[in-house]
Amino acid sequence: MDSSFAPASELTNEPKNSRSSSKNTTPEIEPQSGTMCNSEPTTAQVMDILQALIIDSLLLMPYTKTPPVIDLVLDFYISGSIISLNERKTFLTEIILLLMKNASLNDITDGQKTPFLNNNDIKFTGQEYLLTNIFYMTARFVDKLWQQMLLIDGREVFDYCVTLLNHVKRTASRTPSLANNGGNSLYRSLNRCILYLLAYPPAPFNITLVEILNKLMYNRLLVFGAGNHDPDFIGCLTYCIIQLHKGDKPILHIPSQFDQQRTTTRMSFRVWEELYVCKKPVIEEVFKVTLASPFQNCRAPNIKGTYDQIFESAFKHWLAYVEGEKNAVIRNPWDVHNNIQSKIQKVTGGLTRLTSRTKLKKDISERNDVRFDQYNTESNKQLVNAKITLIEEFWNFGLMQQENSYVHTKRYVHQDWLQIEAELIRERAIWGPKCCAEFTKWTLDNTEGPYRMRRKMMKNVFFYLHYPPKPDSEESVDPIRPTKSRVASSYDSAKY
């Protein structure tokens, strides 16, 4: 690769070492959606919930004052948290791969009915919002790719954009206006993905560059077709192709590297031929030059002559595009929807268009002011202090409840302890005092109660009268006429 390509660290405000480390580790990662989702069942359930929320939000009508769900998920970040940059990249990669592999999104763009479109409460006109939201979501995927916040090299995003474009082309006959507007948005996402792959190919560079150029030739009807008429893309692609064709001087004592460089040069010239044949007027309009005519039996002129002719303009055009991608990190949401609305409003008349543009600018300025206030230091301090005050009040309330509960529990336990102690040390209890003579007798109290037999005891002074001693001789008992009932007696009565 030539040094004229802009480095990846210039695109965002992230530290350069993190960018370089992610760039070096990208080829070692095999993108699989189950890498993180299968590690823990809880993680997989959370990812499924987020995917369901994003897909359900695609049915909603876009609002300029409220950020969409896809932005809330992709841009979610807590300053000062313990989440590392690599963990954040892993999360973004997994959720984007899950969404790209979702079969229902492809069915929607292909015009088929899906389970969540069969609801009778959803009108058929909501499908326009649905497709617009899908196109916007695809653009957000490419945003994260240019920010280098993904652990994939971009070829998966390229294939996803190509698949969506093919589906949109199939539905163009049924909804031509929607297909045209959606095609413009998808073409822009595809173009940005192509330029990213050409500018930052994963290692080994020559092999992946050949694969990327082969993808461009295989999908040349989409890339160089009449629907793709973005002049910025044509100018940047021209710069990338002439840079790839020029290349660096190969090291001759490594045959494999020489062969790979030669293959890259050959493939870049084939792409240049398609680009010249299909987009020659656009190239001349962008760079304000007249390209030389090709030689006999050639489809395109020599790249070396074209390089000397347009290099300076192409290099400036490329730097301007990279700067635009850098500033696109802070772009307003729903640009695609607003562009579609502005195109519709151009037909309705000058006064309506003027009113709509004024209102749109006012809404954008208000939204920007709100976003600026959200990141103001003073407002953040007030929010943090309010949260801390609530936590302190809740903590003090919990402490007071715990203290009151401890005091009441201690009092209740102390009362129970005194009752049990009195029961144990009372008279005639287990640990009661020895206060009575040997011949003292007891009887039950006549008072009724739940604890009568255990507590209501009193001294029986008539015990020895009721229970006289047993007679000593058997003569007093008449054997012929025995008594009807035996007289109760006690051995203690005799001793008493």
Protein backbone atom coordinates (compact mmCIF):
# COMPACT_ATOMS: atom_id res chain seq x y z
CA MET A 1 0.00 0.00 0.00
CA ASP A 2 1.19 3.50 -0.80
CA SER A 3 1.66 5.96 2.05
CA SER A 4 -0.82 8.38 0.46
CA PHE A 5 -3.74 6.58 2.10
CA ALA A 6 -4.95 8.35 5.23
CA PRO A 7 -4.11 6.44 8.43
CA ALA A 8 -6.92 4.87 10.37
CA SER A 9 -6.14 6.83 13.53
CA GLU A 10 -7.17 10.08 11.84
CA LEU A 11 -10.79 9.05 11.43
CA THR A 12 -11.84 9.19 15.07
CA ASN A 13 -10.70 10.69 18.31
CA GLU A 14 -9.65 7.33 19.76
CA PRO A 15 -5.99 6.85 20.82
CA LYS A 16 -3.67 5.70 18.08
CA ASN A 17 -2.36 2.73 20.01
CA SER A 18 -5.85 1.30 20.37
CA ARG A 19 -6.42 1.78 16.65
CA SER A 20 -3.21 0.08 15.70
CA SER A 21 -3.79 -2.80 18.06
CA SER A 22 -7.29 -3.37 16.70
CA LYS A 23 -5.95 -3.20 13.17
CA ASN A 24 -3.26 -5.76 13.87
CA THR A 25 -5.59 -8.16 15.62
CA THR A 26 -8.39 -7.97 13.07
CA PRO A 27 -7.11 -10.74 10.75
CA GLU A 28 -6.73 -13.15 13.67
CA ILE A 29 -10.40 -12.94 14.59
CA GLU A 30 -12.79 -15.26 12.88
CA PRO A 31 -16.17 -13.52 13.03
CA GLN A 32 -18.69 -15.86 14.51
CA SER A 33 -21.86 -14.69 16.13
CA GLY A 34 -21.61 -17.38 18.79
CA THR A 35 -18.28 -16.23 20.21
CA MET A 36 -19.78 -14.18 22.98
CA CYS A 37 -23.40 -15.30 22.89
CA ASN A 38 -22.59 -18.92 23.72
CA SER A 39 -20.24 -18.10 26.61
CA GLU A 40 -23.06 -17.60 29.13
CA PRO A 41 -26.81 -18.21 28.82
CA THR A 42 -27.51 -14.80 30.37
CA THR A 43 -25.39 -13.03 27.75
CA ALA A 44 -27.19 -14.85 24.94
CA GLN A 45 -30.58 -13.88 26.37
CA VAL A 46 -29.55 -10.22 26.68
CA MET A 47 -28.32 -10.19 23.07
CA ASP A 48 -31.60 -11.78 21.91
CA ILE A 49 -33.60 -9.15 23.82
CA LEU A 50 -31.58 -6.31 22.27
CA GLN A 51 -32.02 -7.84 18.82
CA ALA A 52 -35.79 -8.13 19.35
CA LEU A 53 -36.02 -4.52 20.56
CA ILE A 54 -34.12 -3.22 17.53
CA ILE A 55 -36.20 -5.23 15.06
CA ASP A 56 -39.47 -4.18 16.71
CA SER A 57 -38.38 -0.53 16.62
CA LEU A 58 -38.05 -0.73 12.83
CA LEU A 59 -41.85 -0.53 12.62
CA LEU A 60 -41.92 2.90 14.29
CA MET A 61 -42.18 6.13 12.34
CA PRO A 62 -38.87 8.05 12.53
CA TYR A 63 -38.82 11.16 14.70
CA THR A 64 -36.18 13.86 14.43
CA LYS A 65 -36.30 14.76 18.13
CA THR A 66 -35.90 11.24 19.49
CA PRO A 67 -32.85 9.07 18.78
CA PRO A 68 -33.76 5.67 17.32
CA VAL A 69 -33.20 2.45 19.23
CA ILE A 70 -30.33 1.37 16.98
CA ASP A 71 -28.44 4.57 17.89
CA LEU A 72 -29.08 4.02 21.59
CA VAL A 73 -27.65 0.50 21.37
CA LEU A 74 -24.65 1.23 19.14
CA ASP A 75 -23.66 4.53 20.81
CA PHE A 76 -24.30 3.43 24.40
CA TYR A 77 -21.33 4.38 26.53
CA ILE A 78 -20.83 5.22 30.21
CA SER A 79 -17.90 7.52 30.89
CA GLY A 80 -15.65 6.28 33.65
CA SER A 81 -16.95 2.71 33.44
CA ILE A 82 -14.78 -0.39 33.70
CA ILE A 83 -15.77 -1.54 30.19
CA SER A 84 -12.64 -1.75 28.06
CA LEU A 85 -12.44 -0.73 24.41
CA ASN A 86 -12.01 -4.33 23.30
CA GLU A 87 -15.13 -5.42 25.23
CA ARG A 88 -17.11 -2.63 23.61
CA LYS A 89 -15.88 -3.68 20.17
CA THR A 90 -16.85 -7.28 20.94
CA PHE A 91 -20.37 -6.23 21.92
CA LEU A 92 -20.85 -4.06 18.80
CA THR A 93 -19.50 -6.82 16.55
CA GLU A 94 -21.82 -9.45 18.03
CA ILE A 95 -24.99 -7.35 17.88
CA ILE A 96 -24.28 -6.21 14.30
CA LEU A 97 -23.55 -9.78 13.16
CA LEU A 98 -26.80 -10.95 14.78
CA LEU A 99 -28.78 -8.26 12.95
CA MET A 100 -27.08 -8.91 9.60
CA LYS A 101 -27.80 -12.65 9.87
CA ASN A 102 -31.45 -12.10 10.79
CA ALA A 103 -33.52 -13.71 8.04
CA SER A 104 -36.61 -11.56 8.65
CA LEU A 105 -34.81 -8.39 7.51
CA ASN A 106 -34.00 -9.96 4.15
CA ASP A 107 -37.60 -11.13 3.83
CA ILE A 108 -38.85 -7.58 4.45
CA THR A 109 -36.63 -6.03 1.78
CA ASP A 110 -37.67 -8.82 -0.59
CA GLY A 111 -41.34 -7.92 -0.12
CA GLN A 112 -42.29 -11.06 1.81
CA LYS A 113 -44.50 -11.22 4.87
CA THR A 114 -42.79 -11.82 8.19
CA PRO A 115 -44.32 -12.93 11.51
CA PHE A 116 -44.20 -9.45 13.04
CA LEU A 117 -45.76 -7.91 9.89
CA ASN A 118 -48.84 -10.15 10.07
CA ASN A 119 -50.32 -8.10 12.91
CA ASN A 120 -53.64 -6.55 11.89
CA ASP A 121 -52.88 -3.38 13.86
CA ILE A 122 -49.95 -2.52 11.53
CA LYS A 123 -50.99 -0.75 8.33
CA PHE A 124 -49.38 -1.60 5.05
CA THR A 125 -48.09 1.97 4.74
CA GLY A 126 -45.81 1.32 7.71
CA GLN A 127 -43.63 -0.79 5.46
CA GLU A 128 -42.20 2.45 4.04
CA TYR A 129 -40.93 3.37 7.50
CA LEU A 130 -39.72 -0.18 7.95
CA LEU A 131 -37.51 -0.13 4.86
CA THR A 132 -36.28 3.38 5.62
CA ASN A 133 -35.27 2.26 9.10
CA ILE A 134 -33.46 -0.78 7.69
CA PHE A 135 -31.53 1.46 5.29
CA TYR A 136 -30.59 3.77 8.13
CA MET A 137 -29.51 0.82 10.29
CA THR A 138 -27.22 -0.34 7.47
CA ALA A 139 -25.64 3.12 7.33
CA ARG A 140 -24.99 2.92 11.08
CA PHE A 141 -23.20 -0.40 10.57
CA VAL A 142 -20.84 1.29 8.10
CA ASP A 143 -20.36 4.18 10.55
CA LYS A 144 -19.03 1.76 13.16
CA LEU A 145 -16.84 0.19 10.48
CA TRP A 146 -15.21 3.53 9.65
CA GLN A 147 -14.80 4.27 13.36
CA GLN A 148 -12.94 0.93 13.61
CA MET A 149 -15.18 -0.18 16.47
CA LEU A 150 -15.76 -3.65 14.97
CA LEU A 151 -13.65 -6.79 15.17
CA ILE A 152 -14.47 -7.67 11.55
CA ASP A 153 -12.67 -6.37 8.47
CA GLY A 154 -15.79 -5.19 6.57
CA ARG A 155 -16.29 -7.95 4.01
CA GLU A 156 -19.35 -9.17 5.93
CA VAL A 157 -20.86 -5.68 5.80
CA PHE A 158 -20.11 -5.51 2.05
CA ASP A 159 -21.92 -8.81 1.42
CA TYR A 160 -24.85 -7.61 3.55
CA CYS A 161 -25.17 -4.38 1.53
CA VAL A 162 -25.03 -6.33 -1.74
CA THR A 163 -27.76 -8.69 -0.52
CA LEU A 164 -30.02 -5.79 0.48
CA LEU A 165 -29.47 -4.04 -2.85
CA ASN A 166 -30.40 -7.18 -4.77
CA HIS A 167 -33.59 -7.48 -2.72
CA VAL A 168 -34.45 -3.82 -3.30
CA LYS A 169 -33.93 -4.19 -7.05
CA ARG A 170 -36.36 -7.12 -7.10
CA THR A 171 -39.03 -4.99 -5.38
CA ALA A 172 -38.40 -1.93 -7.60
CA SER A 173 -41.26 -2.82 -9.94
CA ARG A 174 -43.80 -2.84 -7.08
CA THR A 175 -42.65 0.29 -5.21
CA PRO A 176 -40.39 2.28 -7.58
CA SER A 177 -40.18 5.50 -5.53
CA LEU A 178 -39.33 3.67 -2.34
CA ALA A 179 -36.81 1.48 -4.12
CA ASN A 180 -35.09 4.51 -5.65
CA ASN A 181 -34.83 6.36 -2.34
CA GLY A 182 -33.70 3.23 -0.53
CA GLY A 183 -31.28 2.42 -3.34
CA ASN A 184 -29.57 5.79 -2.92
CA SER A 185 -29.08 5.16 0.78
CA LEU A 186 -27.89 1.58 0.30
CA TYR A 187 -25.56 2.61 -2.53
CA ARG A 188 -23.96 5.16 -0.24
CA SER A 189 -23.45 2.51 2.45
CA LEU A 190 -22.01 0.12 -0.14
CA ASN A 191 -19.68 2.81 -1.49
CA ARG A 192 -18.38 3.71 1.95
CA CYS A 193 -17.78 0.04 2.71
CA ILE A 194 -15.84 -0.43 -0.56
CA LEU A 195 -13.62 2.58 0.12
CA TYR A 196 -12.93 1.36 3.65
CA LEU A 197 -11.90 -2.08 2.37
CA LEU A 198 -9.58 -0.55 -0.22
CA ALA A 199 -8.04 1.92 2.22
CA TYR A 200 -7.61 -0.45 5.18
CA PRO A 201 -7.42 -4.02 3.88
CA PRO A 202 -6.75 -6.68 6.53
CA ALA A 203 -3.46 -8.55 6.51
CA PRO A 204 -2.14 -10.21 4.40
CA PHE A 205 -2.78 -7.11 2.31
CA ASN A 206 -2.11 -8.43 -1.20
CA ILE A 207 -4.31 -11.51 -0.78
CA THR A 208 -7.24 -9.61 0.71
CA LEU A 209 -6.91 -6.84 -1.87
CA VAL A 210 -7.20 -9.40 -4.67
CA GLU A 211 -10.28 -10.84 -2.97
CA ILE A 212 -11.84 -7.38 -2.59
CA LEU A 213 -11.15 -6.50 -6.23
CA ASN A 214 -12.67 -9.83 -7.27
CA LYS A 215 -15.78 -8.93 -5.27
CA LEU A 216 -15.99 -5.62 -7.13
CA MET A 217 -15.74 -7.37 -10.49
CA TYR A 218 -18.29 -10.01 -9.50
CA ASN A 219 -20.77 -7.29 -8.42
CA ARG A 220 -19.80 -4.79 -11.14
CA LEU A 221 -23.43 -4.38 -12.23
CA LEU A 222 -24.18 -2.92 -8.80
CA VAL A 223 -20.92 -1.06 -8.23
CA PHE A 224 -20.58 0.47 -11.71
CA GLY A 225 -24.25 0.40 -12.71
CA ALA A 226 -26.46 3.35 -13.55
CA GLY A 227 -27.98 3.43 -10.06
CA ASN A 228 -24.64 4.18 -8.41
CA HIS A 229 -23.96 7.77 -9.47
CA ASP A 230 -22.27 9.27 -6.40
CA PRO A 231 -19.45 11.53 -7.70
CA ASP A 232 -17.57 11.42 -4.39
CA PHE A 233 -17.40 7.65 -4.58
CA ILE A 234 -16.28 7.67 -8.22
CA GLY A 235 -13.50 10.16 -7.47
CA CYS A 236 -12.27 8.30 -4.37
CA LEU A 237 -12.46 4.93 -6.13
CA THR A 238 -10.39 6.32 -9.01
CA TYR A 239 -7.74 7.48 -6.55
CA CYS A 240 -7.67 4.10 -4.77
CA ILE A 241 -7.40 2.16 -8.05
CA ILE A 242 -4.49 4.20 -9.43
CA GLN A 243 -2.72 3.90 -6.06
CA LEU A 244 -3.19 0.13 -6.02
CA HIS A 245 -2.02 -0.19 -9.61
CA LYS A 246 1.09 1.88 -8.93
CA GLY A 247 2.01 0.08 -5.70
CA ASP A 248 5.50 -0.20 -4.20
CA LYS A 249 8.54 -1.81 -5.78
CA PRO A 250 8.29 -5.57 -5.23
CA ILE A 251 11.02 -7.51 -3.48
CA LEU A 252 12.30 -9.82 -6.20
CA HIS A 253 13.85 -12.45 -3.94
CA ILE A 254 10.39 -13.36 -2.58
CA PRO A 255 8.54 -14.91 -5.55
CA SER A 256 5.23 -15.31 -3.72
CA GLN A 257 5.08 -11.63 -2.81
CA PHE A 258 5.97 -10.68 -6.38
CA ASP A 259 3.19 -12.88 -7.74
CA GLN A 260 0.67 -11.39 -5.30
CA GLN A 261 1.70 -7.85 -6.24
CA ARG A 262 1.38 -8.72 -9.92
CA THR A 263 -2.08 -10.21 -9.33
CA THR A 264 -3.15 -7.07 -7.45
CA THR A 265 -1.92 -4.88 -10.31
CA ARG A 266 -3.77 -6.98 -12.90
CA MET A 267 -7.02 -6.98 -10.91
CA SER A 268 -6.81 -3.23 -10.25
CA PHE A 269 -6.47 -2.61 -13.99
CA ARG A 270 -9.56 -4.72 -14.68
CA VAL A 271 -11.50 -2.65 -12.16
CA TRP A 272 -10.12 0.51 -13.78
CA GLU A 273 -11.40 -0.68 -17.16
CA GLU A 274 -14.93 -1.17 -15.79
CA LEU A 275 -14.76 2.16 -13.99
CA TYR A 276 -13.58 3.98 -17.13
CA VAL A 277 -16.18 2.39 -19.41
CA CYS A 278 -19.11 3.02 -17.05
CA LYS A 279 -18.17 6.26 -15.31
CA LYS A 280 -15.89 8.20 -17.68
CA PRO A 281 -18.14 11.35 -17.78
CA VAL A 282 -18.37 11.40 -13.98
CA ILE A 283 -14.58 11.09 -13.59
CA GLU A 284 -13.99 13.96 -16.01
CA GLU A 285 -16.61 16.07 -14.23
CA VAL A 286 -15.15 15.42 -10.77
CA PHE A 287 -11.52 16.14 -11.66
CA LYS A 288 -12.23 18.77 -14.37
CA VAL A 289 -10.00 17.01 -16.91
CA THR A 290 -10.37 15.22 -20.21
CA LEU A 291 -9.10 11.67 -20.00
CA ALA A 292 -6.90 10.33 -22.75
CA SER A 293 -8.36 7.88 -25.24
CA PRO A 294 -7.43 4.22 -24.77
CA PHE A 295 -4.98 2.48 -27.05
CA GLN A 296 -6.14 0.17 -29.80
CA ASN A 297 -7.76 -3.05 -28.53
CA CYS A 298 -7.86 -1.58 -24.98
CA ARG A 299 -10.96 -0.67 -23.02
CA ALA A 300 -9.25 1.99 -20.87
CA PRO A 301 -6.21 4.26 -21.13
CA ASN A 302 -2.93 3.52 -19.40
CA ILE A 303 -3.12 4.14 -15.66
CA LYS A 304 0.34 5.72 -15.56
CA GLY A 305 -0.71 8.56 -17.85
CA THR A 306 -3.97 8.96 -15.95
CA TYR A 307 -2.01 9.03 -12.67
CA ASP A 308 0.09 11.97 -13.82
CA GLN A 309 -3.04 13.70 -15.06
CA ILE A 310 -5.37 13.49 -12.04
CA PHE A 311 -3.23 12.50 -9.02
CA GLU A 312 -3.16 15.88 -7.26
CA SER A 313 -6.90 16.45 -7.65
CA ALA A 314 -7.67 12.86 -6.68
CA PHE A 315 -5.47 13.07 -3.58
CA LYS A 316 -7.23 16.26 -2.42
CA HIS A 317 -10.58 14.66 -3.13
CA TRP A 318 -9.59 11.62 -1.06
CA LEU A 319 -8.42 13.71 1.90
CA ALA A 320 -11.68 15.67 1.81
CA TYR A 321 -13.64 12.42 1.84
CA VAL A 322 -11.65 11.06 4.80
CA GLU A 323 -12.23 14.31 6.68
CA GLY A 324 -15.93 13.98 5.93
CA GLU A 325 -15.97 10.45 7.34
CA LYS A 326 -14.22 11.76 10.44
CA ASN A 327 -16.89 14.43 10.93
CA ALA A 328 -19.67 11.94 10.17
CA VAL A 329 -19.25 10.54 13.68
CA ILE A 330 -21.30 13.46 15.04
CA ARG A 331 -23.89 13.56 12.27
CA ASN A 332 -27.56 13.98 13.07
CA PRO A 333 -29.76 10.86 13.02
CA TRP A 334 -32.28 10.12 10.31
CA ASP A 335 -30.35 11.92 7.56
CA VAL A 336 -31.73 9.39 5.10
CA HIS A 337 -35.32 10.06 6.11
CA ASN A 338 -34.83 13.83 6.03
CA ASN A 339 -33.31 13.62 2.55
CA ILE A 340 -36.32 11.65 1.31
CA GLN A 341 -38.71 14.16 2.87
CA SER A 342 -36.84 17.10 1.31
CA LYS A 343 -37.07 15.49 -2.13
CA ILE A 344 -40.82 15.09 -1.72
CA GLN A 345 -41.22 18.66 -0.48
CA LYS A 346 -39.44 20.09 -3.54
CA VAL A 347 -42.46 19.12 -5.64
CA THR A 348 -45.06 20.73 -3.35
CA GLY A 349 -44.14 24.37 -4.01
CA GLY A 350 -41.74 27.11 -2.99
CA LEU A 351 -43.63 28.37 0.07
CA THR A 352 -44.14 24.93 1.55
CA ARG A 353 -40.51 24.08 0.87
CA LEU A 354 -39.31 27.27 2.57
CA THR A 355 -41.49 26.65 5.62
CA SER A 356 -40.39 23.04 5.89
CA ARG A 357 -36.70 23.91 5.59
CA THR A 358 -37.01 26.62 8.24
CA LYS A 359 -38.76 24.21 10.58
CA LEU A 360 -36.21 21.50 9.85
CA LYS A 361 -33.30 23.84 10.62
CA LYS A 362 -35.03 24.93 13.83
CA ASP A 363 -35.58 21.32 14.90
CA ILE A 364 -31.95 20.46 14.13
CA SER A 365 -30.65 23.46 16.09
CA GLU A 366 -32.90 22.62 19.05
CA ARG A 367 -31.75 19.01 18.97
CA ASN A 368 -28.11 20.08 18.85
CA ASP A 369 -28.67 22.45 21.78
CA VAL A 370 -30.25 19.66 23.79
CA ARG A 371 -27.38 17.34 23.02
CA PHE A 372 -24.86 20.04 23.97
CA ASP A 373 -26.62 20.63 27.28
CA GLN A 374 -26.61 16.94 28.02
CA TYR A 375 -22.82 16.91 27.90
CA ASN A 376 -22.38 20.17 29.84
CA THR A 377 -20.19 19.81 32.93
CA GLU A 378 -22.46 21.82 35.22
CA SER A 379 -25.60 19.89 34.24
CA ASN A 380 -23.77 16.60 34.70
CA LYS A 381 -22.72 17.68 38.21
CA GLN A 382 -26.31 18.57 39.08
CA LEU A 383 -27.57 15.23 37.82
CA VAL A 384 -24.87 13.35 39.74
CA ASN A 385 -25.57 15.32 42.95
CA ALA A 386 -29.30 14.62 42.62
CA LYS A 387 -28.63 10.91 42.23
CA ILE A 388 -26.21 10.93 45.19
CA THR A 389 -28.79 12.76 47.35
CA LEU A 390 -31.41 10.13 46.56
CA ILE A 391 -28.97 7.36 47.43
CA GLU A 392 -28.05 9.06 50.74
CA GLU A 393 -31.71 9.50 51.69
CA PHE A 394 -32.45 5.88 50.88
CA TRP A 395 -29.40 4.75 52.87
CA ASN A 396 -30.36 6.84 55.92
CA PHE A 397 -33.94 5.57 55.73
CA GLY A 398 -32.66 1.98 55.67
CA LEU A 399 -30.39 2.63 58.66
CA MET A 400 -33.26 4.15 60.66
CA GLN A 401 -35.50 1.20 59.84
CA GLN A 402 -32.79 -1.24 60.89
CA GLU A 403 -32.19 0.61 64.18
CA ASN A 404 -35.91 0.71 65.04
CA SER A 405 -36.28 -2.95 64.18
CA TYR A 406 -33.32 -3.78 66.43
CA VAL A 407 -34.76 -1.81 69.38
CA HIS A 408 -38.22 -3.38 69.10
CA THR A 409 -36.83 -6.87 68.65
CA LYS A 410 -34.57 -6.46 71.69
CA ARG A 411 -37.51 -5.30 73.82
CA TYR A 412 -39.74 -8.18 72.73
CA VAL A 413 -37.00 -10.75 73.30
CA HIS A 414 -36.23 -9.29 76.74
CA GLN A 415 -39.88 -9.55 77.78
CA ASP A 416 -40.06 -13.16 76.61
CA TRP A 417 -36.85 -13.92 78.48
CA LEU A 418 -38.25 -12.47 81.73
CA GLN A 419 -41.43 -14.55 81.38
CA ILE A 420 -39.49 -17.75 80.73
CA GLU A 421 -37.15 -16.97 83.63
CA ALA A 422 -40.06 -16.40 86.01
CA GLU A 423 -41.63 -19.66 84.90
CA LEU A 424 -38.42 -21.62 85.49
CA ILE A 425 -37.59 -20.26 88.96
CA ARG A 426 -41.09 -20.18 90.41
CA GLU A 427 -42.15 -22.40 93.30
CA ARG A 428 -42.34 -26.12 92.41
CA ALA A 429 -40.68 -25.38 89.03
CA ILE A 430 -37.55 -26.99 87.59
CA TRP A 431 -35.19 -24.47 89.15
CA GLY A 432 -37.58 -23.33 91.88
CA PRO A 433 -36.59 -22.86 95.59
CA LYS A 434 -36.92 -25.53 98.29
CA CYS A 435 -39.34 -23.64 100.49
CA CYS A 436 -41.69 -26.33 101.86
CA ALA A 437 -41.68 -29.06 104.51
CA GLU A 438 -41.70 -32.72 103.64
CA PHE A 439 -45.38 -33.26 104.50
CA THR A 440 -46.71 -30.23 102.62
CA LYS A 441 -49.29 -31.30 100.04
CA TRP A 442 -50.66 -29.40 97.05
CA THR A 443 -53.92 -29.30 95.16
CA LEU A 444 -55.25 -27.72 91.99
CA ASP A 445 -56.88 -24.34 92.12
CA ASN A 446 -60.51 -24.26 91.08
CA THR A 447 -59.91 -21.28 88.79
CA GLU A 448 -60.24 -22.28 85.14
CA GLY A 449 -57.65 -21.20 82.62
CA PRO A 450 -55.34 -22.42 79.86
CA TYR A 451 -52.47 -23.00 82.30
CA ARG A 452 -54.54 -24.13 85.34
CA MET A 453 -52.88 -27.51 85.82
CA ARG A 454 -49.39 -26.09 85.63
CA ARG A 455 -49.62 -22.78 87.46
CA LYS A 456 -52.70 -22.63 89.71
CA MET A 457 -51.46 -24.81 92.59
CA MET A 458 -52.26 -24.20 96.29
CA LYS A 459 -51.47 -25.92 99.60
CA ASN A 460 -53.92 -28.63 100.59
CA VAL A 461 -54.45 -28.39 104.36
CA PHE A 462 -57.17 -31.07 104.29
CA PHE A 463 -55.03 -33.71 102.64
CA TYR A 464 -54.55 -35.87 105.73
CA LEU A 465 -58.26 -35.70 106.55
CA HIS A 466 -59.29 -36.77 103.08
CA TYR A 467 -56.62 -39.42 102.88
CA PRO A 468 -56.39 -41.10 106.33
CA PRO A 469 -53.70 -43.65 107.03
CA LYS A 470 -54.28 -47.28 106.10
CA PRO A 471 -55.42 -49.45 109.06
CA ASP A 472 -52.73 -51.68 110.52
CA SER A 473 -54.77 -54.91 111.06
CA GLU A 474 -56.95 -56.80 108.66
CA GLU A 475 -59.53 -57.40 111.40
CA SER A 476 -61.26 -54.14 110.91
CA VAL A 477 -62.26 -55.24 107.43
CA ASP A 478 -65.38 -57.44 107.37
CA PRO A 479 -64.77 -60.31 104.89
CA ILE A 480 -68.47 -61.22 104.74
CA ARG A 481 -69.75 -57.71 104.03
CA PRO A 482 -67.02 -55.85 102.13
CA THR A 483 -67.40 -52.12 101.55
CA LYS A 484 -68.79 -50.88 98.27
CA SER A 485 -65.81 -48.64 97.61
CA ARG A 486 -62.32 -48.63 98.89
CA VAL A 487 -61.30 -45.70 101.10
CA ALA A 488 -58.47 -43.61 99.74
CA SER A 489 -55.42 -43.68 101.95
CA SER A 490 -51.88 -42.42 101.96
CA TYR A 491 -48.65 -43.77 103.39
CA ASP A 492 -47.62 -40.20 104.25
CA SER A 493 -50.68 -39.92 106.50
CA ALA A 494 -49.35 -42.67 108.70
CA LYS A 495 -45.98 -40.95 108.91
CA TYR A 496 -47.65 -37.60 109.53
